[in-house]
Every structure is written in C-alpha cells, then in structure tokens.
C-alpha cells in the first residue's frame, strides 16, 4: 500500500502511497475558496417543521464527514445559504478552546439544506479532494493551529477571517484522492465494527429482558427448550450470606482485587503488608459492592468474582454463596436493573449526605430463581455473547489505533 521514507523536513510525510515523492505545499484556506454564514433571521417558531432542513451543530462537531441523515427541519428560505457537496463546515464557539473550529465536510447533493447559525461554511474551489479535506482538517497539526486561534474567557470563539488565514498541507490532487479514499474506507470499517458491537449489546439487553420474569411473575417470556417449571421465589439470604472472612493467612498486595473489573489491581501493590489483614478474602462466586452511595441505584455496581482467590478493601461489602450456583448466570442476573432496582429501594436507608444499603434487609428480599441446569444454559449464552462483544470491541480498538497511527504518519 504505502512506501515508508525517512523525512528530511516537515513537508514530506513519514508514510506515503507508492508513486508519490514530491514535497507537500502549504496553502491558505482563503486562497482555495470562500466562506458563508449559517442560518440567520430565524426565531424559535421557524424550526421543527418545513420542507427544508439544516445541519445541526452536533453533526458538524461529531463527524469529519457529516451525516446526511442527521438533519433537522426548517422552512424553505431562498435567502439562506444552501450547503453544497464538498463544503467544509466549522463550529465557531465552544466552552473550551480545544473544541473550537471543529470541522465536517458535507458529501451530499440534497436540495434545500442549510447550516445552523453557530457554524460557518467554506466552499472550496476544487483545490481539495473533499475526502482529503475532511481528514486533514481533523489532523493533529491543523487542529493544534485552530486551537491557537480560539479567543475568549468563559466561552471561546473563532473568526472566519482567522480560519481562512490558516495554512494546511497541500499535496497534489491525485495523492489527496488516495489519502481521502484510504481514510474513508478505514472509517467505514470502524463504523461497521461499531454497529456490530452496538447490535450485540442490544441483543444482549433484549435477551436479558425476555429471559427474566417480569416483576410479579415467575416465568420468563423466552426459555431454552425443555424448561417449563416456574422459577422459584427464593430469599437472597437463602442463597447468599455476608462474607466477613479476613485475610488472616496473609495474601500479598499483588492479590488485591478491583471491584470495577474484578481483576487483580496494581493499585494494591503499594499497601503496607501489615494493613492487609483487615482486607476481606474473596473466593470465586463471591459478590462485592460498595454499601454507601449518594443515589439509590449507585452502590458501586454489584460484581461477581470470577478472577480467582484474592483480597478486597474492607470498605466493600461481600456476599458468599451458601448453595451451589452457576457463576455465569449470577454475573448477569445481579446486573439486571428491573430486577434489582425495587430490591435496592426497599433495602436502602436514606441519609442526609449518603444512603446506606442495609445488608440484612437486602438479603431478606425474594427473587425468582431458575433451576441449576437452566442457570447453566442462560449463563453460557450470555458468556458467549460477551465473548463476541469483546472480540468486536478488540477489533474496533485495533482499527481506531491504526487510524490514529496513519493520521500521524501520512499527514505532514
């Protein structure tokens, strides 16, 4: 794909497509086109209806290439500036200088599309490949220069005039097309993987809802074949007890567990060895949570330990299973908010500053529980779904890191 070369100066990128070797120029945006303003002369009543549309601020802010379906309605007004294919759109105001001058390129031929009043447009004269323009305006070098143009104290603004004086890297048009196409394809792959992750998360949430009984019921909507018996109402205190086991035999700080991920935490390595005797000993299947919070459903979420034996700070409350349970099933079941919220509300002692989850009241609550074989089936299904989600998230992160590395090396 590309030919890597050592750079003698800043006008040649570190990584280039084969066949391109000329130094890049620098050109002022103002020499390559002209600006226009967003919607003007409008009142609140003019929005939300009409045959025209406008590109909202957040669409420009979020996307190097504007989403042509993410528009809002407004009446047709011939006096307004219509957005055209290839136009670059810039935000003019933000609460931080780092977010001023965010850009997006419009790549649609839709009629009667205007720009919101908090942005301005730049109509280039054909000097830029529009895809290349979209990514070069978001590159680190150009963004750093735009941030320097921000002015203000509590809110920061940027002027069209200053933006037009900005110089941007300018390779020959054919190289621009290669670069624009490469990053567009990379973004398309990233979007595809993000959609897969989002879809799997939606499927998981839907199955959690349909494979758990509704409040007041004991049979879920969807079940595995062969399971027909109602789920049994069981007191949590019949299934779990409060775990007060201490670290009396001296597991080291390297065995400290993090409640956020229930994985071994390097943060514990600095703890003094003599203080670790007060830490709680956790075994596989134990549930940990923080017992104080300022909101009813914010008790440092329930986490089931599937990371092996370890120790945890005494400020966390720990529960240990009394009878044999399927760990995978409970790992997901204790996170199901429609089930847990009413239990937590009933077991919460409200305070002036902080609320307390009363463990004895919590364990006195009853919930529907399936048989152990059905627990195995449900737990295995959600474990597979999580593995798929993790796989696609990993691939997504690889693509995002690849894009970032290419942005660094393929732009001056």
Protein backbone atom coordinates (compact mmCIF):
# COMPACT_ATOMS: atom_id res chain seq x y z
CA UNK A 1 0.00 0.00 0.00
CA UNK A 2 2.48 2.58 1.10
CA UNK A 3 6.14 3.41 0.82
CA UNK A 4 7.82 4.40 4.10
CA UNK A 5 10.57 7.03 3.86
CA UNK A 6 12.70 8.97 6.28
CA UNK A 7 11.75 12.60 6.40
CA UNK A 8 14.38 15.27 5.96
CA UNK A 9 11.86 18.07 6.52
CA UNK A 10 8.29 18.68 7.60
CA UNK A 11 6.94 18.95 4.04
CA UNK A 12 7.12 15.20 3.41
CA UNK A 13 5.01 12.72 5.44
CA UNK A 14 6.64 9.67 7.03
CA UNK A 15 4.39 7.24 5.16
CA UNK A 16 3.19 7.67 1.57
CA UNK A 17 1.49 5.76 -1.18
CA UNK A 18 3.82 4.37 -3.81
CA UNK A 19 4.50 6.70 -6.71
CA UNK A 20 4.33 9.96 -4.77
CA UNK A 21 7.54 11.72 -3.77
CA UNK A 22 7.06 15.47 -4.31
CA UNK A 23 7.14 17.67 -1.19
CA UNK A 24 3.79 18.89 0.05
CA UNK A 25 2.93 22.56 -0.25
CA UNK A 26 1.19 24.71 2.35
CA UNK A 27 -1.83 26.71 1.20
CA UNK A 28 -4.09 29.15 2.97
CA UNK A 29 -7.72 28.06 3.04
CA UNK A 30 -8.72 31.56 1.94
CA UNK A 31 -6.79 31.08 -1.32
CA UNK A 32 -8.79 27.97 -2.09
CA UNK A 33 -12.37 29.15 -1.56
CA UNK A 34 -14.73 31.47 0.32
CA UNK A 35 -16.86 31.38 3.45
CA UNK A 36 -20.58 31.79 4.05
CA UNK A 37 -22.74 32.05 7.16
CA UNK A 38 -25.29 29.75 8.72
CA UNK A 39 -28.99 30.39 9.26
CA UNK A 40 -29.88 33.97 10.12
CA UNK A 41 -33.02 35.95 10.93
CA UNK A 42 -34.82 32.96 12.41
CA UNK A 43 -36.93 32.63 15.54
CA UNK A 44 -37.70 29.57 17.64
CA UNK A 45 -41.03 29.15 15.86
CA UNK A 46 -39.30 28.67 12.49
CA UNK A 47 -37.76 25.33 13.47
CA UNK A 48 -39.11 21.80 13.72
CA UNK A 49 -41.23 21.89 10.56
CA UNK A 50 -40.94 22.65 6.86
CA UNK A 51 -39.67 21.11 3.62
CA UNK A 52 -36.06 22.23 4.11
CA UNK A 53 -33.51 21.04 6.65
CA UNK A 54 -30.32 22.20 8.31
CA UNK A 55 -27.13 20.56 9.56
CA UNK A 56 -27.15 20.81 13.38
CA UNK A 57 -24.10 21.87 15.40
CA UNK A 58 -23.58 18.41 16.89
CA UNK A 59 -23.43 16.82 13.43
CA UNK A 60 -20.57 19.14 12.50
CA UNK A 61 -18.84 18.67 15.85
CA UNK A 62 -19.04 14.86 15.91
CA UNK A 63 -18.13 13.84 12.37
CA UNK A 64 -15.24 14.53 9.98
CA UNK A 65 -17.77 13.69 7.26
CA UNK A 66 -21.24 15.00 8.08
CA UNK A 67 -24.08 12.52 8.46
CA UNK A 68 -26.51 13.38 5.65
CA UNK A 69 -29.41 11.81 7.58
CA UNK A 70 -28.77 13.69 10.80
CA UNK A 71 -30.67 16.85 9.90
CA UNK A 72 -33.39 18.97 11.47
CA UNK A 73 -36.42 20.56 9.82
CA UNK A 74 -36.85 24.21 8.85
CA UNK A 75 -38.93 26.12 6.30
CA UNK A 76 -37.53 26.70 2.82
CA UNK A 77 -35.92 30.16 2.64
CA UNK A 78 -34.19 31.23 -0.62
CA UNK A 79 -32.35 33.98 1.28
CA UNK A 80 -30.32 31.41 3.26
CA UNK A 81 -27.03 29.87 2.12
CA UNK A 82 -27.56 26.31 0.91
CA UNK A 83 -24.89 23.72 1.78
CA UNK A 84 -23.33 22.10 -1.31
CA UNK A 85 -21.34 18.92 -1.94
CA UNK A 86 -17.72 19.34 -0.84
CA UNK A 87 -18.33 22.26 1.55
CA UNK A 88 -16.39 22.25 4.81
CA UNK A 89 -18.41 23.29 7.86
CA UNK A 90 -16.81 24.78 11.00
CA UNK A 91 -18.11 25.32 14.53
CA UNK A 92 -17.38 28.85 15.78
CA UNK A 93 -17.95 28.61 19.54
CA UNK A 94 -17.34 26.23 22.43
CA UNK A 95 -16.72 26.11 26.17
CA UNK A 96 -13.08 25.03 25.69
CA UNK A 97 -10.50 26.18 23.12
CA UNK A 98 -9.76 22.54 22.24
CA UNK A 99 -13.27 22.17 20.83
CA UNK A 100 -13.40 25.37 18.75
CA UNK A 101 -13.28 25.15 14.98
CA UNK A 102 -14.31 21.50 14.73
CA UNK A 103 -14.91 20.71 11.08
CA UNK A 104 -17.04 18.44 8.95
CA UNK A 105 -17.28 18.05 5.18
CA UNK A 106 -20.68 17.76 3.50
CA UNK A 107 -20.81 14.99 0.87
CA UNK A 108 -24.43 15.03 -0.29
CA UNK A 109 -26.38 16.68 -3.11
CA UNK A 110 -29.63 17.06 -1.16
CA UNK A 111 -31.53 20.28 -2.03
CA UNK A 112 -32.57 22.93 0.49
CA UNK A 113 -30.05 22.06 3.19
CA UNK A 114 -28.79 24.97 5.30
CA UNK A 115 -26.27 25.31 8.10
CA UNK A 116 -27.06 26.03 11.74
CA UNK A 117 -26.36 29.57 12.97
CA UNK A 118 -23.47 28.51 15.26
CA UNK A 119 -21.31 27.37 12.35
CA UNK A 120 -19.98 28.76 9.10
CA UNK A 121 -19.32 27.12 5.76
CA UNK A 122 -16.29 27.07 3.46
CA UNK A 123 -16.89 26.46 -0.24
CA UNK A 124 -13.64 25.37 -1.82
CA UNK A 125 -12.86 25.97 -5.48
CA UNK A 126 -11.83 22.43 -6.41
CA UNK A 127 -8.35 22.66 -4.91
CA UNK A 128 -9.12 19.86 -2.46
CA UNK A 129 -10.42 16.35 -2.77
CA UNK A 130 -13.39 16.59 -0.36
CA UNK A 131 -12.50 13.35 1.45
CA UNK A 132 -8.91 14.50 1.94
CA UNK A 133 -10.16 17.87 3.21
CA UNK A 134 -12.37 16.11 5.76
CA UNK A 135 -9.43 14.30 7.34
CA UNK A 136 -6.69 16.91 7.00
CA UNK A 137 -8.88 19.42 8.87
CA UNK A 138 -9.14 16.88 11.72
CA UNK A 139 -5.43 16.04 11.73
CA UNK A 140 -3.40 16.90 14.82
CA UNK A 141 -1.34 19.63 13.14
CA UNK A 142 -4.33 21.53 11.75
CA UNK A 143 -6.33 21.07 14.97
CA UNK A 144 -3.43 22.46 17.05
CA UNK A 145 -3.31 25.54 14.84
CA UNK A 146 -7.07 26.04 15.06
CA UNK A 147 -6.96 25.86 18.85
CA UNK A 148 -4.39 28.66 18.86
CA UNK A 149 -6.93 30.87 17.07
CA UNK A 150 -9.57 30.47 19.80
CA UNK A 151 -10.35 33.63 21.77
CA UNK A 152 -12.39 34.14 24.92
CA UNK A 153 -12.51 33.61 28.67
CA UNK A 154 -15.63 31.71 29.76
CA UNK A 155 -16.57 30.81 26.19
CA UNK A 156 -14.23 30.60 23.22
CA UNK A 157 -14.85 31.72 19.65
CA UNK A 158 -13.03 31.63 16.36
CA UNK A 159 -13.39 34.04 13.43
CA UNK A 160 -13.93 33.10 9.80
CA UNK A 161 -11.17 35.52 8.81
CA UNK A 162 -8.61 33.82 11.05
CA UNK A 163 -9.59 30.36 9.83
CA UNK A 164 -9.16 31.47 6.22
CA UNK A 165 -5.60 32.59 7.02
CA UNK A 166 -4.80 29.09 8.23
CA UNK A 167 -2.29 27.16 6.10
CA UNK A 168 -2.96 23.47 5.55
CA UNK A 169 -0.82 20.72 3.95
CA UNK A 170 -1.46 20.54 0.23
CA UNK A 171 -0.24 17.52 -1.78
CA UNK A 172 -1.10 17.13 -5.45
CA UNK A 173 -4.76 16.25 -6.10
CA UNK A 174 -4.10 12.61 -7.05
CA UNK A 175 -2.36 11.96 -3.73
CA UNK A 176 -5.19 13.72 -1.93
CA UNK A 177 -7.64 11.29 -3.54
CA UNK A 178 -5.61 8.28 -2.40
CA UNK A 179 -5.45 9.60 1.15
CA UNK A 180 -9.11 10.58 1.31
CA UNK A 181 -10.25 7.21 -0.03
CA UNK A 182 -7.96 5.32 2.38
CA UNK A 183 -9.24 7.08 5.49
CA UNK A 184 -12.86 6.94 4.32
CA UNK A 185 -12.58 3.14 3.87
CA UNK A 186 -10.92 2.87 7.29
CA UNK A 187 -13.73 4.90 8.86
CA UNK A 188 -16.29 2.68 7.14
CA UNK A 189 -14.67 -0.40 8.70
CA UNK A 190 -14.67 1.28 12.11
CA UNK A 191 -18.36 2.16 11.71
CA UNK A 192 -19.16 -1.44 10.66
CA UNK A 193 -17.48 -2.89 13.74
CA UNK A 194 -19.10 -0.28 15.99
CA UNK A 195 -22.51 -1.25 14.61
CA UNK A 196 -21.75 -4.92 15.30
CA UNK A 197 -20.82 -4.09 18.89
CA UNK A 198 -23.93 -1.94 19.34
CA UNK A 199 -26.17 -4.62 17.80
CA UNK A 200 -24.75 -7.36 20.03
CA UNK A 201 -25.23 -5.15 23.11
CA UNK A 202 -28.84 -4.52 22.04
CA UNK A 203 -29.41 -8.27 21.54
CA UNK A 204 -27.90 -8.95 24.97
CA UNK A 205 -30.14 -6.38 26.66
CA UNK A 206 -33.21 -7.68 24.85
CA UNK A 207 -32.47 -11.25 25.89
CA UNK A 208 -31.87 -10.18 29.49
CA UNK A 209 -35.36 -8.67 29.47
CA UNK A 210 -37.05 -11.60 27.78
CA UNK A 211 -35.21 -14.36 29.67
CA UNK A 212 -36.00 -12.85 33.08
CA UNK A 213 -39.52 -12.93 34.58
CA UNK A 214 -41.31 -9.61 34.78
CA UNK A 215 -41.93 -8.16 38.23
CA UNK A 216 -44.61 -10.22 39.99
CA UNK A 217 -44.24 -13.15 37.56
CA UNK A 218 -42.24 -16.38 37.75
CA UNK A 219 -41.96 -17.46 34.10
CA UNK A 220 -39.81 -15.60 31.53
CA UNK A 221 -41.03 -14.85 28.00
CA UNK A 222 -38.20 -16.81 26.32
CA UNK A 223 -36.76 -20.09 27.61
CA UNK A 224 -34.50 -22.86 26.41
CA UNK A 225 -36.24 -25.99 25.17
CA UNK A 226 -37.01 -28.49 27.90
CA UNK A 227 -37.55 -25.98 30.70
CA UNK A 228 -41.15 -25.37 31.69
CA UNK A 229 -41.21 -25.22 35.50
CA UNK A 230 -41.84 -21.81 37.07
CA UNK A 231 -38.85 -20.05 38.61
CA UNK A 232 -38.85 -20.46 42.39
CA UNK A 233 -39.14 -17.45 44.67
CA UNK A 234 -36.08 -17.55 46.94
CA UNK A 235 -34.89 -15.22 49.67
CA UNK A 236 -31.49 -13.81 48.82
CA UNK A 237 -30.50 -14.82 52.35
CA UNK A 238 -31.11 -18.47 51.39
CA UNK A 239 -28.66 -18.11 48.52
CA UNK A 240 -26.00 -15.72 49.89
CA UNK A 241 -24.65 -14.67 53.28
CA UNK A 242 -22.50 -11.72 54.27
CA UNK A 243 -18.83 -12.62 53.92
CA UNK A 244 -16.63 -11.46 56.80
CA UNK A 245 -13.64 -13.72 56.08
CA UNK A 246 -10.45 -11.76 56.63
CA UNK A 247 -7.02 -12.11 55.10
CA UNK A 248 -5.64 -13.85 58.17
CA UNK A 249 -3.15 -16.06 56.34
CA UNK A 250 -1.52 -13.09 54.65
CA UNK A 251 -2.20 -12.96 50.91
CA UNK A 252 0.01 -10.18 49.48
CA UNK A 253 -1.00 -6.88 47.95
CA UNK A 254 -0.49 -8.35 44.48
CA UNK A 255 -3.69 -10.35 45.11
CA UNK A 256 -5.82 -7.24 45.67
CA UNK A 257 -8.98 -7.34 43.56
CA UNK A 258 -10.54 -4.31 41.88
CA UNK A 259 -14.30 -4.08 42.27
CA UNK A 260 -14.54 -2.23 38.95
CA UNK A 261 -13.33 -5.17 36.88
CA UNK A 262 -12.94 -7.94 39.46
CA UNK A 263 -9.42 -8.40 38.18
CA UNK A 264 -6.16 -8.12 40.03
CA UNK A 265 -5.33 -4.47 40.60
CA UNK A 266 -1.85 -2.98 40.61
CA UNK A 267 -3.19 -0.24 42.86
CA UNK A 268 -2.99 -2.63 45.80
CA UNK A 269 0.74 -3.19 45.44
CA UNK A 270 1.53 -0.08 47.48
CA UNK A 271 -0.45 -1.18 50.55
CA UNK A 272 1.56 -1.95 53.67
CA UNK A 273 1.68 -5.68 54.33
CA UNK A 274 0.57 -5.29 57.95
CA UNK A 275 -2.63 -3.49 56.88
CA UNK A 276 -3.75 -6.32 54.61
CA UNK A 277 -5.00 -8.47 57.48
CA UNK A 278 -8.15 -6.29 57.60
CA UNK A 279 -8.85 -6.94 53.90
CA UNK A 280 -11.67 -9.32 53.03
CA UNK A 281 -10.87 -12.65 51.43
CA UNK A 282 -12.81 -13.23 48.22
CA UNK A 283 -13.33 -16.60 46.60
CA UNK A 284 -14.80 -17.45 43.17
CA UNK A 285 -18.53 -16.78 43.14
CA UNK A 286 -18.45 -14.09 45.83
CA UNK A 287 -20.33 -10.87 45.09
CA UNK A 288 -18.85 -7.49 46.06
CA UNK A 289 -20.34 -3.99 46.12
CA UNK A 290 -19.93 -0.66 47.87
CA UNK A 291 -22.52 -0.24 50.61
CA UNK A 292 -22.76 3.57 50.64
CA UNK A 293 -23.74 5.89 47.80
CA UNK A 294 -25.43 9.23 47.18
CA UNK A 295 -28.02 7.65 44.87
CA UNK A 296 -30.28 4.68 45.47
CA UNK A 297 -29.05 2.72 42.45
CA UNK A 298 -25.39 3.70 42.66
CA UNK A 299 -23.93 1.24 45.13
CA UNK A 300 -20.71 0.71 43.12
CA UNK A 301 -22.37 -1.87 40.92
CA UNK A 302 -22.62 -5.49 42.03
CA UNK A 303 -19.71 -7.53 40.71
CA UNK A 304 -19.29 -11.29 40.84
CA UNK A 305 -15.76 -12.53 41.37
CA UNK A 306 -14.69 -14.88 38.61
CA UNK A 307 -10.99 -13.91 38.83
CA UNK A 308 -9.91 -16.45 41.46
CA UNK A 309 -8.97 -16.02 45.10
CA UNK A 310 -7.97 -12.55 46.18
CA UNK A 311 -8.44 -9.83 48.77
CA UNK A 312 -10.52 -6.65 48.75
CA UNK A 313 -10.62 -3.44 50.75
CA UNK A 314 -12.83 -3.71 53.89
CA UNK A 315 -14.91 -0.74 52.70
CA UNK A 316 -16.64 -3.09 50.25
CA UNK A 317 -19.47 -5.40 51.26
CA UNK A 318 -19.06 -9.01 50.16
CA UNK A 319 -21.59 -11.81 49.84
CA UNK A 320 -20.76 -15.52 49.58
CA UNK A 321 -23.00 -18.19 48.01
CA UNK A 322 -24.47 -20.67 50.51
CA UNK A 323 -25.53 -23.25 47.94
CA UNK A 324 -24.18 -24.21 44.53
CA UNK A 325 -24.97 -21.53 41.94
CA UNK A 326 -23.95 -21.01 38.32
CA UNK A 327 -21.44 -18.13 38.42
CA UNK A 328 -22.09 -17.05 34.83
CA UNK A 329 -25.84 -16.79 35.41
CA UNK A 330 -25.48 -14.69 38.56
CA UNK A 331 -22.85 -12.48 36.94
CA UNK A 332 -25.55 -11.21 34.56
CA UNK A 333 -28.62 -11.62 36.76
CA UNK A 334 -27.34 -9.27 39.50
CA UNK A 335 -26.87 -6.53 36.88
CA UNK A 336 -30.44 -6.70 35.60
CA UNK A 337 -31.80 -3.35 36.76
CA UNK A 338 -35.58 -4.05 36.56
CA UNK A 339 -34.98 -6.95 38.96
CA UNK A 340 -32.52 -5.25 41.31
CA UNK A 341 -33.89 -1.71 41.50
CA UNK A 342 -37.03 -2.47 43.58
CA UNK A 343 -34.95 -4.69 45.89
CA UNK A 344 -32.37 -1.95 46.39
CA UNK A 345 -35.03 0.70 47.02
CA UNK A 346 -36.64 -1.44 49.72
CA UNK A 347 -33.26 -2.21 51.33
CA UNK A 348 -31.88 1.34 51.27
CA UNK A 349 -31.62 3.51 54.35
CA UNK A 350 -31.75 7.14 53.23
CA UNK A 351 -29.31 9.58 54.78
CA UNK A 352 -28.70 13.32 54.66
CA UNK A 353 -25.45 13.06 52.68
CA UNK A 354 -25.14 9.36 51.83
CA UNK A 355 -27.51 6.42 51.53
CA UNK A 356 -26.74 3.03 53.04
CA UNK A 357 -27.66 -0.38 51.68
CA UNK A 358 -28.75 -2.39 54.73
CA UNK A 359 -27.40 -5.86 54.01
CA UNK A 360 -29.83 -7.69 56.32
CA UNK A 361 -32.78 -6.02 54.57
CA UNK A 362 -31.25 -6.76 51.18
CA UNK A 363 -30.83 -10.47 52.00
CA UNK A 364 -34.42 -10.60 53.25
CA UNK A 365 -35.75 -9.79 49.76
CA UNK A 366 -37.06 -12.56 47.48
CA UNK A 367 -36.34 -13.03 43.79
CA UNK A 368 -37.34 -15.66 41.20
CA UNK A 369 -34.55 -18.19 40.59
CA UNK A 370 -34.41 -20.91 37.92
CA UNK A 371 -33.14 -24.44 38.45
CA UNK A 372 -29.39 -25.01 38.32
CA UNK A 373 -29.50 -26.65 34.82
CA UNK A 374 -31.43 -23.64 33.48
CA UNK A 375 -28.94 -21.30 35.17
CA UNK A 376 -26.13 -23.13 33.31
CA UNK A 377 -27.87 -22.63 29.95
CA UNK A 378 -28.61 -18.94 30.50
CA UNK A 379 -25.15 -18.19 31.89
CA UNK A 380 -23.41 -19.93 28.97
CA UNK A 381 -25.49 -17.97 26.43
CA UNK A 382 -24.59 -14.58 27.93
CA UNK A 383 -20.95 -15.60 28.34
CA UNK A 384 -20.80 -16.35 24.59
CA UNK A 385 -22.48 -13.03 23.79
CA UNK A 386 -19.94 -11.19 25.96
CA UNK A 387 -17.09 -13.01 24.22
CA UNK A 388 -18.43 -11.86 20.85
CA UNK A 389 -18.82 -8.29 22.11
CA UNK A 390 -15.27 -8.32 23.49
CA UNK A 391 -13.91 -9.71 20.21
CA UNK A 392 -15.55 -6.99 18.11
CA UNK A 393 -14.55 -4.29 20.61
CA UNK A 394 -10.96 -5.51 20.39
CA UNK A 395 -11.07 -5.37 16.58
CA UNK A 396 -12.65 -1.92 16.83
CA UNK A 397 -9.82 -0.67 19.05
CA UNK A 398 -7.23 -2.08 16.64
CA UNK A 399 -8.83 -0.19 13.76
CA UNK A 400 -9.05 3.03 15.77
CA UNK A 401 -5.38 2.73 16.77
CA UNK A 402 -4.44 2.01 13.15
CA UNK A 403 -6.31 5.11 12.02
CA UNK A 404 -4.59 7.26 14.63
CA UNK A 405 -1.16 5.92 13.67
CA UNK A 406 -1.86 6.54 9.97
CA UNK A 407 -3.08 10.08 10.68
CA UNK A 408 0.23 10.73 12.45
CA UNK A 409 2.42 9.28 9.70
CA UNK A 410 0.52 10.05 6.50
CA UNK A 411 -0.07 13.76 7.11
CA UNK A 412 2.56 16.45 7.46
